[in-house]
Amino acid sequence: MKQSPIFARTYDFIMWLIPLTIKFPRSQRFVMTATLQAEAIQFQKLLIEAAHKKEKQDLLLSADAELDKVRTHLRMSMEMGLLQSGQYEHAARMMTEIGKLLGGWMKALQA
């Protein structure tokens, strides 16, 4: 995707998230594991679609909402004891960076 940092950071996040969530207890595999993976991949799909369309704003707004879902479910996972605090902190840093990149893209479209 044109070597844009948001695509690389999102890819890196998903590649980190999937092996991590696969290790969640069996009782959470169809709940938190599936939810987090689906939301992260949906976020990536929305970014890819936005890169290929003229009207990007609605897709980026949807991506922003999807990113909020990922953040919320990561926090829930930590509070449920599925993530260690260090893992959550790492994820939060990644989400912050991705969020800033997304915000910058959205702001650039408004200019």
Protein backbone atom coordinates (compact mmCIF):
# COMPACT_ATOMS: atom_id res chain seq x y z
CA MET A 1 0.00 0.00 0.00
CA LYS A 2 2.32 2.74 -1.20
CA GLN A 3 4.63 2.07 1.80
CA SER A 4 2.45 4.21 4.06
CA PRO A 5 3.33 3.71 7.73
CA ILE A 6 -0.29 3.02 8.74
CA PHE A 7 -0.41 -0.08 6.57
CA ALA A 8 2.90 -1.38 7.91
CA ARG A 9 1.96 -0.68 11.55
CA THR A 10 -1.45 -2.29 11.12
CA TYR A 11 0.10 -5.36 9.51
CA ASP A 12 2.64 -5.60 12.34
CA PHE A 13 -0.13 -5.26 14.93
CA ILE A 14 -2.22 -8.04 13.37
CA MET A 15 0.81 -10.30 13.07
CA TRP A 16 1.46 -9.73 16.79
CA LEU A 17 -2.22 -10.04 17.82
CA ILE A 18 -3.16 -13.31 16.13
CA PRO A 19 -0.56 -15.56 17.79
CA LEU A 20 -1.28 -13.86 21.11
CA THR A 21 -5.04 -14.38 20.98
CA ILE A 22 -4.68 -18.00 19.84
CA LYS A 23 -3.20 -18.62 23.29
CA PHE A 24 -6.32 -17.35 25.06
CA PRO A 25 -8.13 -20.07 27.04
CA ARG A 26 -10.42 -22.35 25.07
CA SER A 27 -13.45 -20.77 26.78
CA GLN A 28 -12.60 -17.41 25.14
CA ARG A 29 -11.65 -18.59 21.66
CA PHE A 30 -15.10 -18.01 20.22
CA VAL A 31 -15.62 -14.79 22.13
CA MET A 32 -12.58 -12.57 22.67
CA THR A 33 -10.19 -14.31 20.28
CA ALA A 34 -12.62 -14.29 17.38
CA THR A 35 -13.81 -10.77 18.17
CA LEU A 36 -10.35 -9.20 18.40
CA GLN A 37 -9.08 -10.93 15.29
CA ALA A 38 -12.17 -10.03 13.25
CA GLU A 39 -12.10 -6.38 14.33
CA ALA A 40 -8.40 -5.97 13.63
CA ILE A 41 -8.75 -7.53 10.19
CA GLN A 42 -11.85 -5.43 9.45
CA PHE A 43 -9.85 -2.33 10.39
CA GLN A 44 -7.14 -3.36 7.93
CA LYS A 45 -9.74 -4.04 5.20
CA LEU A 46 -11.25 -0.58 5.64
CA LEU A 47 -7.82 1.03 5.30
CA ILE A 48 -7.13 -0.91 2.12
CA GLU A 49 -10.51 0.04 0.66
CA ALA A 50 -9.94 3.70 1.55
CA ALA A 51 -6.61 3.65 -0.25
CA HIS A 52 -8.35 2.56 -3.45
CA LYS A 53 -11.40 4.82 -3.46
CA LYS A 54 -11.87 8.49 -4.18
CA GLU A 55 -14.32 8.97 -1.32
CA LYS A 56 -12.22 7.98 1.66
CA GLN A 57 -13.79 9.86 4.57
CA ASP A 58 -16.64 7.44 5.34
CA LEU A 59 -14.32 4.44 5.17
CA LEU A 60 -11.81 6.13 7.45
CA LEU A 61 -14.55 7.02 9.94
CA SER A 62 -15.61 3.37 9.94
CA ALA A 63 -11.98 2.36 10.41
CA ASP A 64 -11.73 4.73 13.38
CA ALA A 65 -14.78 3.11 14.97
CA GLU A 66 -13.29 -0.34 14.35
CA LEU A 67 -10.05 0.74 16.00
CA ASP A 68 -12.02 1.86 19.05
CA LYS A 69 -13.61 -1.58 19.22
CA VAL A 70 -10.18 -3.21 19.16
CA ARG A 71 -8.97 -0.89 21.94
CA THR A 72 -12.03 -1.65 24.07
CA HIS A 73 -11.75 -5.40 23.64
CA LEU A 74 -8.02 -5.38 24.34
CA ARG A 75 -8.74 -3.59 27.61
CA MET A 76 -11.47 -6.08 28.45
CA SER A 77 -9.04 -8.91 27.71
CA MET A 78 -6.51 -7.43 30.10
CA GLU A 79 -9.11 -6.93 32.82
CA MET A 80 -10.28 -10.54 32.36
CA GLY A 81 -6.71 -11.74 32.85
CA LEU A 82 -6.28 -12.88 29.25
CA LEU A 83 -3.45 -10.40 28.65
CA GLN A 84 -0.59 -9.53 30.93
CA SER A 85 -0.14 -5.85 31.72
CA GLY A 86 3.03 -5.68 29.59
CA GLN A 87 1.20 -7.16 26.62
CA TYR A 88 -1.61 -4.67 27.07
CA GLU A 89 0.85 -1.77 27.31
CA HIS A 90 2.54 -2.91 24.10
CA ALA A 91 -0.82 -3.16 22.34
CA ALA A 92 -1.87 0.25 23.66
CA ARG A 93 1.31 1.84 22.29
CA MET A 94 0.70 0.22 18.90
CA MET A 95 -2.95 1.37 18.90
CA THR A 96 -1.90 4.91 19.81
CA GLU A 97 0.56 5.05 16.95
CA ILE A 98 -1.95 3.62 14.48
CA GLY A 99 -4.62 6.03 15.75
CA LYS A 100 -2.31 9.01 15.21
CA LEU A 101 -1.54 7.86 11.69
CA LEU A 102 -5.24 7.41 10.97
CA GLY A 103 -6.03 10.84 12.43
CA GLY A 104 -3.33 12.40 10.27
CA TRP A 105 -4.78 10.76 7.16
CA MET A 106 -8.26 11.98 8.03
CA LYS A 107 -7.00 15.50 8.73
CA ALA A 108 -5.11 15.58 5.43
CA LEU A 109 -8.36 14.84 3.58
CA GLN A 110 -10.07 17.81 5.22
CA ALA A 111 -7.41 20.25 4.09
